[in-house]
């Protein structure tokens, strides 16, 4: 699919999201209230805007995101500045997220300004040229304007919130499920298309960007799969330990990790696949991932994923 088709599909998804949300609000509010629609929207829209206004701060607080000191990350700051100039946009603020998961994300709104965050895990596991290409990808989100759109969608649909009960719950539940299903398909398609476009931006605005980003994406996927497996093993041990402790003391609740950043990440860690790195060069790892064939189940599940399959992304970067 060409960049123009990705762009058309992305903005088509945005139009579909707006249509579905508007229709859902109209039907629900028309059922539950006798207020004029204009009055209802005057109440609801400011609430959405308020959530959007504080979403960047919520992300930073929940995930320990701090500004990257220039004295410690001078080379990365220079790379961000150079790619910004090539992209024709103002330099975003460079941030560091203190997590071992190798990833990155672009975020921000008109109040916070443009920001790009790279995780400590990304800096620890990727070569600098690969980090540079990842930054080029994130810069693409700001260049195309989809970072602001995703920030708004993130604050509306991924930021959590309480649901209230109502009268005919079966009808409400069925309607809510139908609306959620339609919205989810639209939002996930928008998210996948914006990733393809950002990949293309990195390829065009970073020297030798296609190779660097391909290797970076392959390594991110590989290391994320390792962390996922380690996390599963750790959870199993934790469950066994808590069961033995709870026999006399009662169970303990674990704290919430905060808002999931998965829709904003450069790669979805939940879909990461492990490939044996033994005797594989960086390009060998890329080729291994590129050759992966999708099963029917994986093709169906991709419709509900915020990111394209790694094999498709690597093939598109050729």
C-alpha atoms as a PDB file:
ATOM      1  CA  UNK A   1       0.000   0.000   0.000  1.00  0.00           C
ATOM      2  CA  UNK A   2       1.390   3.394  -0.963  1.00  0.00           C
ATOM      3  CA  UNK A   3       1.805   6.313   1.432  1.00  0.00           C
ATOM      4  CA  UNK A   4      -1.132   8.116  -0.246  1.00  0.00           C
ATOM      5  CA  UNK A   5      -3.406   5.115   0.330  1.00  0.00           C
ATOM      6  CA  UNK A   6      -2.244   4.870   3.957  1.00  0.00           C
ATOM      7  CA  UNK A   7      -3.080   8.558   4.432  1.00  0.00           C
ATOM      8  CA  UNK A   8      -6.496   8.176   2.795  1.00  0.00           C
ATOM      9  CA  UNK A   9      -7.279   5.121   4.915  1.00  0.00           C
ATOM     10  CA  UNK A  10      -6.093   6.888   8.087  1.00  0.00           C
ATOM     11  CA  UNK A  11      -8.280   9.952   7.629  1.00  0.00           C
ATOM     12  CA  UNK A  12     -11.161   7.787   6.455  1.00  0.00           C
ATOM     13  CA  UNK A  13     -10.899   6.017   9.814  1.00  0.00           C
ATOM     14  CA  UNK A  14     -10.995   9.369  11.632  1.00  0.00           C
ATOM     15  CA  UNK A  15     -14.168  10.313   9.754  1.00  0.00           C
ATOM     16  CA  UNK A  16     -15.710   6.948  10.651  1.00  0.00           C
ATOM     17  CA  UNK A  17     -14.757   7.389  14.339  1.00  0.00           C
ATOM     18  CA  UNK A  18     -16.401  10.828  14.464  1.00  0.00           C
ATOM     19  CA  UNK A  19     -19.519   9.467  12.758  1.00  0.00           C
ATOM     20  CA  UNK A  20     -19.843   6.477  15.098  1.00  0.00           C
ATOM     21  CA  UNK A  21     -19.260   8.582  18.237  1.00  0.00           C
ATOM     22  CA  UNK A  22     -21.752  11.229  17.104  1.00  0.00           C
ATOM     23  CA  UNK A  23     -24.409   8.635  16.284  1.00  0.00           C
ATOM     24  CA  UNK A  24     -23.832   6.768  19.575  1.00  0.00           C
ATOM     25  CA  UNK A  25     -24.060   9.966  21.628  1.00  0.00           C
ATOM     26  CA  UNK A  26     -27.187  11.032  19.800  1.00  0.00           C
ATOM     27  CA  UNK A  27     -28.963   7.699  20.370  1.00  0.00           C
ATOM     28  CA  UNK A  28     -27.905   7.306  24.014  1.00  0.00           C
ATOM     29  CA  UNK A  29     -28.549  10.880  25.041  1.00  0.00           C
ATOM     30  CA  UNK A  30     -31.827  11.006  23.161  1.00  0.00           C
ATOM     31  CA  UNK A  31     -32.888   7.926  25.152  1.00  0.00           C
ATOM     32  CA  UNK A  32     -31.716   9.077  28.597  1.00  0.00           C
ATOM     33  CA  UNK A  33     -32.433  12.797  28.568  1.00  0.00           C
ATOM     34  CA  UNK A  34     -35.010  15.280  27.367  1.00  0.00           C
ATOM     35  CA  UNK A  35     -32.410  18.048  27.032  1.00  0.00           C
ATOM     36  CA  UNK A  36     -31.824  19.488  23.538  1.00  0.00           C
ATOM     37  CA  UNK A  37     -28.886  17.867  21.785  1.00  0.00           C
ATOM     38  CA  UNK A  38     -26.997  21.157  21.656  1.00  0.00           C
ATOM     39  CA  UNK A  39     -27.240  21.510  25.438  1.00  0.00           C
ATOM     40  CA  UNK A  40     -25.972  17.961  25.935  1.00  0.00           C
ATOM     41  CA  UNK A  41     -22.959  18.515  23.678  1.00  0.00           C
ATOM     42  CA  UNK A  42     -22.175  21.767  25.475  1.00  0.00           C
ATOM     43  CA  UNK A  43     -21.798  19.642  28.620  1.00  0.00           C
ATOM     44  CA  UNK A  44     -19.945  16.663  27.099  1.00  0.00           C
ATOM     45  CA  UNK A  45     -17.430  18.360  24.784  1.00  0.00           C
ATOM     46  CA  UNK A  46     -15.738  20.379  27.580  1.00  0.00           C
ATOM     47  CA  UNK A  47     -15.293  17.134  29.556  1.00  0.00           C
ATOM     48  CA  UNK A  48     -13.529  15.515  26.593  1.00  0.00           C
ATOM     49  CA  UNK A  49     -11.347  18.596  26.109  1.00  0.00           C
ATOM     50  CA  UNK A  50     -10.462  18.661  29.805  1.00  0.00           C
ATOM     51  CA  UNK A  51      -9.338  15.020  29.629  1.00  0.00           C
ATOM     52  CA  UNK A  52      -7.306  15.789  26.497  1.00  0.00           C
ATOM     53  CA  UNK A  53      -5.794  18.873  28.158  1.00  0.00           C
ATOM     54  CA  UNK A  54      -4.237  16.882  31.006  1.00  0.00           C
ATOM     55  CA  UNK A  55      -3.494  13.604  29.160  1.00  0.00           C
ATOM     56  CA  UNK A  56       0.246  14.345  28.591  1.00  0.00           C
ATOM     57  CA  UNK A  57       0.787  15.111  32.279  1.00  0.00           C
ATOM     58  CA  UNK A  58      -1.109  11.943  33.231  1.00  0.00           C
ATOM     59  CA  UNK A  59       1.141   9.881  30.939  1.00  0.00           C
ATOM     60  CA  UNK A  60       4.307  11.413  32.365  1.00  0.00           C
ATOM     61  CA  UNK A  61       3.215  10.890  35.945  1.00  0.00           C
ATOM     62  CA  UNK A  62       2.030   7.313  35.422  1.00  0.00           C
ATOM     63  CA  UNK A  63       5.114   6.169  33.510  1.00  0.00           C
ATOM     64  CA  UNK A  64       7.989   8.189  35.039  1.00  0.00           C
ATOM     65  CA  UNK A  65       8.628  10.265  31.917  1.00  0.00           C
ATOM     66  CA  UNK A  66      11.141  13.082  32.466  1.00  0.00           C
ATOM     67  CA  UNK A  67      12.958  15.571  30.187  1.00  0.00           C
ATOM     68  CA  UNK A  68      16.222  14.166  28.775  1.00  0.00           C
ATOM     69  CA  UNK A  69      19.154  16.217  30.144  1.00  0.00           C
ATOM     70  CA  UNK A  70      21.151  17.602  27.210  1.00  0.00           C
ATOM     71  CA  UNK A  71      24.456  17.078  29.014  1.00  0.00           C
ATOM     72  CA  UNK A  72      23.716  13.323  29.247  1.00  0.00           C
ATOM     73  CA  UNK A  73      22.008  12.860  25.870  1.00  0.00           C
ATOM     74  CA  UNK A  74      23.736  15.448  23.691  1.00  0.00           C
ATOM     75  CA  UNK A  75      24.100  13.164  20.660  1.00  0.00           C
ATOM     76  CA  UNK A  76      20.413  12.241  20.766  1.00  0.00           C
ATOM     77  CA  UNK A  77      19.382  15.893  21.119  1.00  0.00           C
ATOM     78  CA  UNK A  78      21.451  16.755  18.037  1.00  0.00           C
ATOM     79  CA  UNK A  79      19.832  13.908  16.095  1.00  0.00           C
ATOM     80  CA  UNK A  80      16.348  15.140  17.074  1.00  0.00           C
ATOM     81  CA  UNK A  81      17.278  18.658  15.943  1.00  0.00           C
ATOM     82  CA  UNK A  82      18.658  17.457  12.599  1.00  0.00           C
ATOM     83  CA  UNK A  83      15.639  15.270  11.831  1.00  0.00           C
ATOM     84  CA  UNK A  84      13.319  18.127  12.838  1.00  0.00           C
ATOM     85  CA  UNK A  85      15.035  20.406  10.314  1.00  0.00           C
ATOM     86  CA  UNK A  86      14.742  17.784   7.561  1.00  0.00           C
ATOM     87  CA  UNK A  87      11.098  17.231   8.478  1.00  0.00           C
ATOM     88  CA  UNK A  88      10.337  20.953   8.480  1.00  0.00           C
ATOM     89  CA  UNK A  89       8.906  21.043  12.003  1.00  0.00           C
ATOM     90  CA  UNK A  90       9.874  22.618  15.308  1.00  0.00           C
ATOM     91  CA  UNK A  91      12.107  20.441  17.478  1.00  0.00           C
ATOM     92  CA  UNK A  92       9.944  18.392  19.890  1.00  0.00           C
ATOM     93  CA  UNK A  93      10.952  18.142  23.544  1.00  0.00           C
ATOM     94  CA  UNK A  94      13.003  14.992  24.122  1.00  0.00           C
ATOM     95  CA  UNK A  95      11.882  12.855  27.059  1.00  0.00           C
ATOM     96  CA  UNK A  96      13.094   9.639  28.720  1.00  0.00           C
ATOM     97  CA  UNK A  97      10.695   7.017  30.100  1.00  0.00           C
ATOM     98  CA  UNK A  98      12.220   4.943  32.886  1.00  0.00           C
ATOM     99  CA  UNK A  99      11.206   1.458  31.766  1.00  0.00           C
ATOM    100  CA  UNK A 100      13.220  -1.522  30.553  1.00  0.00           C
ATOM    101  CA  UNK A 101      10.785  -2.116  27.675  1.00  0.00           C
ATOM    102  CA  UNK A 102      12.491  -0.951  24.448  1.00  0.00           C
ATOM    103  CA  UNK A 103      10.033   1.450  22.839  1.00  0.00           C
ATOM    104  CA  UNK A 104       9.259   5.079  22.016  1.00  0.00           C
ATOM    105  CA  UNK A 105       6.221   7.293  21.505  1.00  0.00           C
ATOM    106  CA  UNK A 106       5.198  10.730  20.272  1.00  0.00           C
ATOM    107  CA  UNK A 107       2.628  12.656  22.264  1.00  0.00           C
ATOM    108  CA  UNK A 108       1.489  16.120  23.275  1.00  0.00           C
ATOM    109  CA  UNK A 109      -1.226  18.668  22.591  1.00  0.00           C
ATOM    110  CA  UNK A 110      -1.442  22.401  21.979  1.00  0.00           C
ATOM    111  CA  UNK A 111      -0.831  23.131  25.674  1.00  0.00           C
ATOM    112  CA  UNK A 112       2.077  20.772  26.335  1.00  0.00           C
ATOM    113  CA  UNK A 113       3.727  21.138  22.924  1.00  0.00           C
ATOM    114  CA  UNK A 114       5.203  18.340  20.817  1.00  0.00           C
ATOM    115  CA  UNK A 115       7.118  15.678  22.737  1.00  0.00           C
ATOM    116  CA  UNK A 116       9.009  12.498  21.870  1.00  0.00           C
ATOM    117  CA  UNK A 117       9.812   9.940  24.556  1.00  0.00           C
ATOM    118  CA  UNK A 118      12.294   7.098  24.242  1.00  0.00           C
ATOM    119  CA  UNK A 119      12.515   4.451  26.929  1.00  0.00           C
ATOM    120  CA  UNK A 120      15.664   3.581  28.820  1.00  0.00           C
ATOM    121  CA  UNK A 121      15.272   0.050  27.471  1.00  0.00           C
ATOM    122  CA  UNK A 122      15.477   1.405  23.914  1.00  0.00           C
ATOM    123  CA  UNK A 123      18.715   3.271  24.674  1.00  0.00           C
ATOM    124  CA  UNK A 124      20.200   0.212  26.397  1.00  0.00           C
ATOM    125  CA  UNK A 125      19.398  -2.359  23.699  1.00  0.00           C
ATOM    126  CA  UNK A 126      19.613  -0.567  20.340  1.00  0.00           C
ATOM    127  CA  UNK A 127      22.588   0.930  18.522  1.00  0.00           C
ATOM    128  CA  UNK A 128      22.500   4.719  18.237  1.00  0.00           C
ATOM    129  CA  UNK A 129      21.743   4.699  14.492  1.00  0.00           C
ATOM    130  CA  UNK A 130      18.685   2.526  15.195  1.00  0.00           C
ATOM    131  CA  UNK A 131      17.534   4.889  17.968  1.00  0.00           C
ATOM    132  CA  UNK A 132      17.968   7.717  15.452  1.00  0.00           C
ATOM    133  CA  UNK A 133      15.625   5.947  13.000  1.00  0.00           C
ATOM    134  CA  UNK A 134      13.074   5.326  15.776  1.00  0.00           C
ATOM    135  CA  UNK A 135      13.162   9.061  16.552  1.00  0.00           C
ATOM    136  CA  UNK A 136      12.596   9.713  12.833  1.00  0.00           C
ATOM    137  CA  UNK A 137       9.513   7.492  13.000  1.00  0.00           C
ATOM    138  CA  UNK A 138       8.138   9.369  16.014  1.00  0.00           C
ATOM    139  CA  UNK A 139       8.874  12.680  14.300  1.00  0.00           C
ATOM    140  CA  UNK A 140       6.653  11.481  11.469  1.00  0.00           C
ATOM    141  CA  UNK A 141       3.683  11.332  13.827  1.00  0.00           C
ATOM    142  CA  UNK A 142       4.161  15.023  14.638  1.00  0.00           C
ATOM    143  CA  UNK A 143       4.785  15.934  10.992  1.00  0.00           C
ATOM    144  CA  UNK A 144       1.574  14.230   9.838  1.00  0.00           C
ATOM    145  CA  UNK A 145      -0.473  15.653  12.722  1.00  0.00           C
ATOM    146  CA  UNK A 146      -1.709  12.234  13.791  1.00  0.00           C
ATOM    147  CA  UNK A 147       0.046  12.467  17.187  1.00  0.00           C
ATOM    148  CA  UNK A 148      -2.510  15.071  18.312  1.00  0.00           C
ATOM    149  CA  UNK A 149      -5.392  12.994  16.957  1.00  0.00           C
ATOM    150  CA  UNK A 150      -4.126   9.861  18.716  1.00  0.00           C
ATOM    151  CA  UNK A 151      -3.607  11.867  21.910  1.00  0.00           C
ATOM    152  CA  UNK A 152      -7.268  12.892  21.798  1.00  0.00           C
ATOM    153  CA  UNK A 153      -8.452   9.349  21.053  1.00  0.00           C
ATOM    154  CA  UNK A 154      -6.142   8.023  23.771  1.00  0.00           C
ATOM    155  CA  UNK A 155      -7.602  10.392  26.372  1.00  0.00           C
ATOM    156  CA  UNK A 156     -11.162   9.481  25.337  1.00  0.00           C
ATOM    157  CA  UNK A 157     -10.942   5.711  24.910  1.00  0.00           C
ATOM    158  CA  UNK A 158      -7.765   4.464  26.624  1.00  0.00           C
ATOM    159  CA  UNK A 159      -7.593   6.672  29.699  1.00  0.00           C
ATOM    160  CA  UNK A 160     -10.066   4.652  31.758  1.00  0.00           C
ATOM    161  CA  UNK A 161     -13.164   5.870  33.517  1.00  0.00           C
ATOM    162  CA  UNK A 162     -16.165   4.636  35.456  1.00  0.00           C
ATOM    163  CA  UNK A 163     -19.335   3.281  33.897  1.00  0.00           C
ATOM    164  CA  UNK A 164     -22.733   3.767  35.447  1.00  0.00           C
ATOM    165  CA  UNK A 165     -25.634   1.395  35.469  1.00  0.00           C
ATOM    166  CA  UNK A 166     -28.967   2.212  33.839  1.00  0.00           C
ATOM    167  CA  UNK A 167     -32.457   0.925  33.244  1.00  0.00           C
ATOM    168  CA  UNK A 168     -32.803  -1.676  30.443  1.00  0.00           C
ATOM    169  CA  UNK A 169     -29.282  -3.047  30.858  1.00  0.00           C
ATOM    170  CA  UNK A 170     -29.536  -5.766  28.189  1.00  0.00           C
ATOM    171  CA  UNK A 171     -30.345  -3.252  25.458  1.00  0.00           C
ATOM    172  CA  UNK A 172     -27.728  -0.800  26.699  1.00  0.00           C
ATOM    173  CA  UNK A 173     -25.077  -3.521  26.926  1.00  0.00           C
ATOM    174  CA  UNK A 174     -25.854  -4.803  23.430  1.00  0.00           C
ATOM    175  CA  UNK A 175     -25.776  -1.284  22.009  1.00  0.00           C
ATOM    176  CA  UNK A 176     -22.557  -0.466  23.848  1.00  0.00           C
ATOM    177  CA  UNK A 177     -20.885  -3.642  22.553  1.00  0.00           C
ATOM    178  CA  UNK A 178     -21.889  -2.841  18.975  1.00  0.00           C
ATOM    179  CA  UNK A 179     -20.622   0.733  19.261  1.00  0.00           C
ATOM    180  CA  UNK A 180     -17.392  -0.405  20.942  1.00  0.00           C
ATOM    181  CA  UNK A 181     -16.797  -3.026  18.236  1.00  0.00           C
ATOM    182  CA  UNK A 182     -17.258  -0.482  15.435  1.00  0.00           C
ATOM    183  CA  UNK A 183     -15.167   2.151  17.194  1.00  0.00           C
ATOM    184  CA  UNK A 184     -12.406  -0.320  17.970  1.00  0.00           C
ATOM    185  CA  UNK A 185     -12.106  -1.375  14.322  1.00  0.00           C
ATOM    186  CA  UNK A 186     -11.930   2.264  13.188  1.00  0.00           C
ATOM    187  CA  UNK A 187      -9.420   3.352  15.832  1.00  0.00           C
ATOM    188  CA  UNK A 188      -7.158   0.349  15.295  1.00  0.00           C
ATOM    189  CA  UNK A 189      -7.171   0.876  11.514  1.00  0.00           C
ATOM    190  CA  UNK A 190      -6.281   4.548  12.038  1.00  0.00           C
ATOM    191  CA  UNK A 191      -3.462   3.504  14.373  1.00  0.00           C
ATOM    192  CA  UNK A 192      -2.030   0.937  11.941  1.00  0.00           C
ATOM    193  CA  UNK A 193      -2.089   3.352   9.004  1.00  0.00           C
ATOM    194  CA  UNK A 194      -0.324   6.076  10.983  1.00  0.00           C
ATOM    195  CA  UNK A 195       2.450   3.609  11.849  1.00  0.00           C
ATOM    196  CA  UNK A 196       3.044   2.816   8.168  1.00  0.00           C
ATOM    197  CA  UNK A 197       3.193   6.548   7.388  1.00  0.00           C
ATOM    198  CA  UNK A 198       5.630   7.231  10.244  1.00  0.00           C
ATOM    199  CA  UNK A 199       7.842   4.337   9.092  1.00  0.00           C
ATOM    200  CA  UNK A 200       7.936   5.908   5.637  1.00  0.00           C
ATOM    201  CA  UNK A 201       8.796   9.293   7.160  1.00  0.00           C
ATOM    202  CA  UNK A 202      11.806   7.801   8.974  1.00  0.00           C
ATOM    203  CA  UNK A 203      12.952   6.104   5.761  1.00  0.00           C
ATOM    204  CA  UNK A 204      12.840   9.426   3.894  1.00  0.00           C
ATOM    205  CA  UNK A 205      14.247  11.762   6.570  1.00  0.00           C
ATOM    206  CA  UNK A 206      16.989   9.702   8.232  1.00  0.00           C
ATOM    207  CA  UNK A 207      20.100   8.786   6.207  1.00  0.00           C
ATOM    208  CA  UNK A 208      19.822   5.087   5.307  1.00  0.00           C
ATOM    209  CA  UNK A 209      16.582   5.208   7.310  1.00  0.00           C
ATOM    210  CA  UNK A 210      14.966   2.074   5.863  1.00  0.00           C
ATOM    211  CA  UNK A 211      17.812  -0.189   6.996  1.00  0.00           C
ATOM    212  CA  UNK A 212      18.240   1.500  10.382  1.00  0.00           C
ATOM    213  CA  UNK A 213      14.520   1.405  11.196  1.00  0.00           C
ATOM    214  CA  UNK A 214      14.151  -2.188   9.979  1.00  0.00           C
ATOM    215  CA  UNK A 215      16.926  -3.306  12.301  1.00  0.00           C
ATOM    216  CA  UNK A 216      15.534  -1.200  15.142  1.00  0.00           C
ATOM    217  CA  UNK A 217      12.014  -2.612  14.777  1.00  0.00           C
ATOM    218  CA  UNK A 218      13.325  -6.181  14.629  1.00  0.00           C
ATOM    219  CA  UNK A 219      15.380  -5.683  17.805  1.00  0.00           C
ATOM    220  CA  UNK A 220      12.501  -3.951  19.624  1.00  0.00           C
ATOM    221  CA  UNK A 221      10.264  -6.889  18.769  1.00  0.00           C
ATOM    222  CA  UNK A 222      12.886  -9.416  19.865  1.00  0.00           C
ATOM    223  CA  UNK A 223      13.715  -7.776  23.205  1.00  0.00           C
ATOM    224  CA  UNK A 224      10.041  -7.084  23.953  1.00  0.00           C
ATOM    225  CA  UNK A 225       9.265 -10.790  23.482  1.00  0.00           C
ATOM    226  CA  UNK A 226      12.053 -11.685  25.942  1.00  0.00           C
ATOM    227  CA  UNK A 227      10.686  -9.253  28.536  1.00  0.00           C
ATOM    228  CA  UNK A 228       7.164 -10.610  27.985  1.00  0.00           C
ATOM    229  CA  UNK A 229       8.315 -14.176  28.657  1.00  0.00           C
ATOM    230  CA  UNK A 230      10.281 -13.109  31.737  1.00  0.00           C
ATOM    231  CA  UNK A 231       7.211 -11.225  32.992  1.00  0.00           C
ATOM    232  CA  UNK A 232       5.026 -14.312  32.558  1.00  0.00           C
ATOM    233  CA  UNK A 233       7.488 -16.444  34.510  1.00  0.00           C
ATOM    234  CA  UNK A 234       7.703 -13.807  37.233  1.00  0.00           C
ATOM    235  CA  UNK A 235       3.904 -13.591  37.494  1.00  0.00           C
ATOM    236  CA  UNK A 236       3.603 -17.364  37.846  1.00  0.00           C
ATOM    237  CA  UNK A 237       6.142 -17.364  40.677  1.00  0.00           C
ATOM    238  CA  UNK A 238       4.402 -14.378  42.294  1.00  0.00           C
ATOM    239  CA  UNK A 239       1.003 -16.111  42.138  1.00  0.00           C
ATOM    240  CA  UNK A 240       2.414 -19.266  43.712  1.00  0.00           C
ATOM    241  CA  UNK A 241       4.092 -17.232  46.457  1.00  0.00           C
ATOM    242  CA  UNK A 242       0.972 -15.145  47.170  1.00  0.00           C
ATOM    243  CA  UNK A 243      -1.174 -18.292  47.371  1.00  0.00           C
ATOM    244  CA  UNK A 244       1.100 -19.804  49.977  1.00  0.00           C
ATOM    245  CA  UNK A 245       1.147 -16.506  51.950  1.00  0.00           C
ATOM    246  CA  UNK A 246      -2.627 -16.038  51.694  1.00  0.00           C
ATOM    247  CA  UNK A 247      -3.343 -19.338  53.448  1.00  0.00           C
ATOM    248  CA  UNK A 248      -3.041 -17.564  56.760  1.00  0.00           C
ATOM    249  CA  UNK A 249      -2.958 -13.858  55.957  1.00  0.00           C
ATOM    250  CA  UNK A 250      -5.408 -13.108  53.178  1.00  0.00           C
ATOM    251  CA  UNK A 251      -4.578 -11.883  49.689  1.00  0.00           C
ATOM    252  CA  UNK A 252      -3.074  -8.545  48.697  1.00  0.00           C
ATOM    253  CA  UNK A 253      -4.087  -6.399  45.785  1.00  0.00           C
ATOM    254  CA  UNK A 254      -1.513  -5.208  43.296  1.00  0.00           C
ATOM    255  CA  UNK A 255      -1.482  -1.592  42.227  1.00  0.00           C
ATOM    256  CA  UNK A 256      -2.645  -0.451  38.821  1.00  0.00           C
ATOM    257  CA  UNK A 257       0.181   0.172  36.350  1.00  0.00           C
ATOM    258  CA  UNK A 258      -1.610   3.277  35.088  1.00  0.00           C
ATOM    259  CA  UNK A 259      -2.791   3.992  31.562  1.00  0.00           C
ATOM    260  CA  UNK A 260      -1.582   1.610  28.903  1.00  0.00           C
ATOM    261  CA  UNK A 261       0.693   3.340  26.402  1.00  0.00           C
ATOM    262  CA  UNK A 262       0.382   0.543  23.857  1.00  0.00           C
ATOM    263  CA  UNK A 263      -1.601   2.623  21.308  1.00  0.00           C
ATOM    264  CA  UNK A 264       1.150   5.279  21.383  1.00  0.00           C
ATOM    265  CA  UNK A 265       4.177   2.952  21.195  1.00  0.00           C
ATOM    266  CA  UNK A 266       6.223   2.411  18.028  1.00  0.00           C
ATOM    267  CA  UNK A 267       5.590  -1.329  18.405  1.00  0.00           C
ATOM    268  CA  UNK A 268       2.987  -3.375  20.283  1.00  0.00           C
ATOM    269  CA  UNK A 269       4.853  -5.442  22.928  1.00  0.00           C
ATOM    270  CA  UNK A 270       1.886  -7.824  23.292  1.00  0.00           C
ATOM    271  CA  UNK A 271       2.339  -9.114  19.729  1.00  0.00           C
ATOM    272  CA  UNK A 272       6.132  -9.492  19.964  1.00  0.00           C
ATOM    273  CA  UNK A 273       7.506 -12.795  18.652  1.00  0.00           C
ATOM    274  CA  UNK A 274      10.773 -14.325  19.763  1.00  0.00           C
ATOM    275  CA  UNK A 275      13.401 -15.408  17.250  1.00  0.00           C
ATOM    276  CA  UNK A 276      16.671 -17.075  18.215  1.00  0.00           C
ATOM    277  CA  UNK A 277      19.445 -14.499  17.792  1.00  0.00           C
ATOM    278  CA  UNK A 278      22.285 -17.042  17.731  1.00  0.00           C
ATOM    279  CA  UNK A 279      24.594 -16.462  14.760  1.00  0.00           C
ATOM    280  CA  UNK A 280      22.240 -13.855  13.276  1.00  0.00           C
ATOM    281  CA  UNK A 281      23.459 -10.472  12.081  1.00  0.00           C
ATOM    282  CA  UNK A 282      21.192  -7.431  12.394  1.00  0.00           C
ATOM    283  CA  UNK A 283      20.031  -7.880   8.797  1.00  0.00           C
ATOM    284  CA  UNK A 284      19.677 -11.619   9.396  1.00  0.00           C
ATOM    285  CA  UNK A 285      17.231 -10.867  12.214  1.00  0.00           C
ATOM    286  CA  UNK A 286      15.309  -8.517   9.912  1.00  0.00           C
ATOM    287  CA  UNK A 287      15.073 -11.199   7.217  1.00  0.00           C
ATOM    288  CA  UNK A 288      13.892 -13.779   9.756  1.00  0.00           C
ATOM    289  CA  UNK A 289      11.025 -11.557  10.882  1.00  0.00           C
ATOM    290  CA  UNK A 290      10.237 -10.545   7.310  1.00  0.00           C
ATOM    291  CA  UNK A 291       9.843 -14.193   6.260  1.00  0.00           C
ATOM    292  CA  UNK A 292       7.289 -14.931   9.010  1.00  0.00           C
ATOM    293  CA  UNK A 293       3.974 -16.005   7.488  1.00  0.00           C
ATOM    294  CA  UNK A 294       0.772 -14.915   9.198  1.00  0.00           C
ATOM    295  CA  UNK A 295      -1.693 -17.592  10.214  1.00  0.00           C
ATOM    296  CA  UNK A 296      -5.411 -17.023   9.586  1.00  0.00           C
ATOM    297  CA  UNK A 297      -5.875 -16.307  13.279  1.00  0.00           C
ATOM    298  CA  UNK A 298      -3.086 -13.709  13.248  1.00  0.00           C
ATOM    299  CA  UNK A 299      -4.613 -11.988  10.210  1.00  0.00           C
ATOM    300  CA  UNK A 300      -7.954 -11.736  12.006  1.00  0.00           C
ATOM    301  CA  UNK A 301      -6.378 -10.545  15.264  1.00  0.00           C
ATOM    302  CA  UNK A 302      -4.474  -7.848  13.375  1.00  0.00           C
ATOM    303  CA  UNK A 303      -7.816  -6.127  12.693  1.00  0.00           C
ATOM    304  CA  UNK A 304      -7.990  -5.462  16.439  1.00  0.00           C
ATOM    305  CA  UNK A 305      -4.320  -4.527  16.840  1.00  0.00           C
ATOM    306  CA  UNK A 306      -3.006  -0.970  17.158  1.00  0.00           C
ATOM    307  CA  UNK A 307       0.085  -1.861  15.093  1.00  0.00           C
ATOM    308  CA  UNK A 308       0.676  -3.653  11.774  1.00  0.00           C
ATOM    309  CA  UNK A 309       2.343  -7.025  11.925  1.00  0.00           C
ATOM    310  CA  UNK A 310       6.141  -6.704  12.100  1.00  0.00           C
ATOM    311  CA  UNK A 311       6.593  -8.687   8.858  1.00  0.00           C
ATOM    312  CA  UNK A 312       4.354  -6.268   6.944  1.00  0.00           C
ATOM    313  CA  UNK A 313       6.207  -3.248   8.285  1.00  0.00           C
ATOM    314  CA  UNK A 314       9.591  -4.650   7.358  1.00  0.00           C
ATOM    315  CA  UNK A 315       8.390  -5.590   3.874  1.00  0.00           C
ATOM    316  CA  UNK A 316       6.983  -2.066   3.377  1.00  0.00           C
ATOM    317  CA  UNK A 317      10.389  -0.600   4.272  1.00  0.00           C
ATOM    318  CA  UNK A 318      12.148  -2.507   1.459  1.00  0.00           C
END
